[in-house]
């Protein structure tokens, strides 16, 4: 396959690369959101436990 000639690249390759790239970006974003959510839950739990002791 001659990579210099863009007509030589299979038709589905850009679609496949877009799907793989979208999956990776989505996974990173969801991981970041879940991390932030878990930190917020821990922060609320610590605050609630301090309020219960008072």
N, C-alpha and C. Protein backbone atom coordinates (compact mmCIF):
# COMPACT_ATOMS: atom_id res chain seq x y z
N UNK A 1 0.85 -1.18 0.00
CA UNK A 1 0.00 0.00 0.00
C UNK A 1 0.89 1.24 0.00
N UNK A 2 0.65 2.12 -0.92
CA UNK A 2 1.40 3.36 -1.03
C UNK A 2 0.68 4.42 -0.17
N UNK A 3 1.27 4.78 0.96
CA UNK A 3 0.62 5.71 1.89
C UNK A 3 0.68 7.16 1.38
N UNK A 4 1.49 7.43 0.38
CA UNK A 4 1.56 8.79 -0.16
C UNK A 4 0.36 9.09 -1.05
N UNK A 5 -0.22 8.07 -1.61
CA UNK A 5 -1.38 8.25 -2.47
C UNK A 5 -2.64 8.04 -1.62
N UNK A 6 -3.39 9.11 -1.34
CA UNK A 6 -4.54 8.99 -0.46
C UNK A 6 -5.65 8.14 -1.07
N UNK A 7 -5.63 7.89 -2.36
CA UNK A 7 -6.62 7.03 -2.99
C UNK A 7 -6.34 5.56 -2.73
N UNK A 8 -5.14 5.27 -2.23
CA UNK A 8 -4.75 3.89 -1.99
C UNK A 8 -5.18 3.41 -0.60
N UNK A 9 -5.59 4.35 0.26
CA UNK A 9 -6.01 3.99 1.62
C UNK A 9 -7.43 3.42 1.54
N UNK A 10 -7.70 2.32 2.22
CA UNK A 10 -9.05 1.75 2.18
C UNK A 10 -10.11 2.75 2.65
N UNK A 11 -11.30 2.64 2.08
CA UNK A 11 -12.36 3.61 2.37
C UNK A 11 -12.73 3.65 3.85
N UNK A 12 -12.77 2.51 4.51
CA UNK A 12 -13.24 2.45 5.89
C UNK A 12 -12.19 2.90 6.91
N UNK A 13 -10.95 3.08 6.49
CA UNK A 13 -9.90 3.44 7.44
C UNK A 13 -10.18 4.76 8.17
N UNK A 14 -10.58 5.85 7.50
CA UNK A 14 -10.89 7.08 8.25
C UNK A 14 -12.06 6.89 9.21
N UNK A 15 -13.05 6.10 8.80
CA UNK A 15 -14.19 5.85 9.70
C UNK A 15 -13.74 5.06 10.92
N UNK A 16 -12.89 4.07 10.71
CA UNK A 16 -12.37 3.27 11.82
C UNK A 16 -11.53 4.13 12.76
N UNK A 17 -10.69 4.97 12.20
CA UNK A 17 -9.85 5.83 13.04
C UNK A 17 -10.70 6.84 13.81
N UNK A 18 -11.76 7.35 13.21
CA UNK A 18 -12.65 8.27 13.91
C UNK A 18 -13.34 7.57 15.07
N UNK A 19 -13.77 6.32 14.86
CA UNK A 19 -14.43 5.57 15.92
C UNK A 19 -13.46 5.28 17.07
N UNK A 20 -12.24 4.88 16.73
CA UNK A 20 -11.24 4.58 17.77
C UNK A 20 -10.88 5.84 18.54
N UNK A 21 -10.68 6.94 17.82
CA UNK A 21 -10.35 8.21 18.48
C UNK A 21 -11.50 8.68 19.37
N UNK A 22 -12.72 8.56 18.90
CA UNK A 22 -13.88 8.95 19.71
C UNK A 22 -14.02 8.10 20.95
N UNK A 23 -13.74 6.79 20.83
CA UNK A 23 -13.81 5.90 21.99
C UNK A 23 -12.77 6.30 23.03
N UNK A 24 -11.56 6.58 22.59
CA UNK A 24 -10.50 6.95 23.53
C UNK A 24 -10.83 8.27 24.22
N UNK A 25 -11.27 9.27 23.46
CA UNK A 25 -11.62 10.56 24.05
C UNK A 25 -12.79 10.42 25.00
N UNK A 26 -13.80 9.65 24.62
CA UNK A 26 -14.94 9.42 25.50
C UNK A 26 -14.55 8.72 26.78
N UNK A 27 -13.67 7.74 26.67
CA UNK A 27 -13.22 7.01 27.86
C UNK A 27 -12.47 7.94 28.81
N UNK A 28 -11.62 8.80 28.28
CA UNK A 28 -10.87 9.74 29.12
C UNK A 28 -11.81 10.72 29.81
N UNK A 29 -12.77 11.25 29.07
CA UNK A 29 -13.71 12.22 29.65
C UNK A 29 -14.56 11.56 30.73
N UNK A 30 -15.08 10.36 30.46
CA UNK A 30 -15.89 9.68 31.47
C UNK A 30 -15.07 9.31 32.70
N UNK A 31 -13.82 8.92 32.51
CA UNK A 31 -12.95 8.62 33.65
C UNK A 31 -12.74 9.86 34.51
N UNK A 32 -12.54 11.00 33.86
CA UNK A 32 -12.34 12.25 34.60
C UNK A 32 -13.61 12.64 35.36
N UNK A 33 -14.77 12.47 34.72
CA UNK A 33 -16.03 12.81 35.38
C UNK A 33 -16.25 11.90 36.59
N UNK A 34 -15.99 10.61 36.43
CA UNK A 34 -16.18 9.68 37.55
C UNK A 34 -15.23 9.99 38.70
N UNK A 35 -14.00 10.37 38.37
CA UNK A 35 -13.03 10.73 39.41
C UNK A 35 -13.52 11.94 40.19
N UNK A 36 -13.99 12.96 39.48
CA UNK A 36 -14.51 14.15 40.14
C UNK A 36 -15.73 13.81 41.01
N UNK A 37 -16.59 12.94 40.51
CA UNK A 37 -17.78 12.55 41.25
C UNK A 37 -17.41 11.80 42.53
N UNK A 38 -16.45 10.88 42.44
CA UNK A 38 -16.01 10.14 43.62
C UNK A 38 -15.38 11.06 44.66
N UNK A 39 -14.59 12.05 44.20
CA UNK A 39 -13.99 13.00 45.13
C UNK A 39 -15.08 13.82 45.84
N UNK A 40 -16.12 14.19 45.11
CA UNK A 40 -17.21 14.97 45.70
C UNK A 40 -17.95 14.12 46.74
N UNK A 41 -18.17 12.84 46.45
CA UNK A 41 -18.84 11.96 47.40
C UNK A 41 -18.00 11.81 48.67
N UNK A 42 -16.69 11.61 48.52
CA UNK A 42 -15.82 11.49 49.69
C UNK A 42 -15.82 12.77 50.51
N UNK A 43 -15.80 13.91 49.83
CA UNK A 43 -15.81 15.20 50.52
C UNK A 43 -17.11 15.36 51.31
N UNK A 44 -18.24 14.98 50.68
CA UNK A 44 -19.53 15.08 51.38
C UNK A 44 -19.61 14.12 52.55
N UNK A 45 -19.07 12.91 52.39
CA UNK A 45 -19.07 11.94 53.48
C UNK A 45 -18.25 12.44 54.66
N UNK A 46 -17.10 13.05 54.38
CA UNK A 46 -16.26 13.58 55.46
C UNK A 46 -16.97 14.73 56.16
N UNK A 47 -17.63 15.56 55.40
CA UNK A 47 -18.34 16.69 55.99
C UNK A 47 -19.52 16.20 56.83
N UNK A 48 -20.23 15.20 56.35
CA UNK A 48 -21.37 14.66 57.09
C UNK A 48 -20.90 13.98 58.38
N UNK A 49 -19.76 13.29 58.33
CA UNK A 49 -19.26 12.62 59.54
C UNK A 49 -18.82 13.66 60.57
N UNK A 50 -18.28 14.79 60.11
CA UNK A 50 -17.87 15.86 61.04
C UNK A 50 -19.11 16.50 61.64
N UNK A 51 -20.17 16.66 60.87
CA UNK A 51 -21.41 17.25 61.37
C UNK A 51 -22.07 16.33 62.39
N UNK A 52 -21.99 15.01 62.17
CA UNK A 52 -22.57 14.05 63.11
C UNK A 52 -21.86 14.05 64.46
N UNK A 53 -20.57 14.32 64.45
CA UNK A 53 -19.80 14.33 65.71
C UNK A 53 -20.11 15.55 66.55
N UNK A 54 -20.54 16.64 65.92
CA UNK A 54 -20.79 17.90 66.65
C UNK A 54 -22.05 17.82 67.47
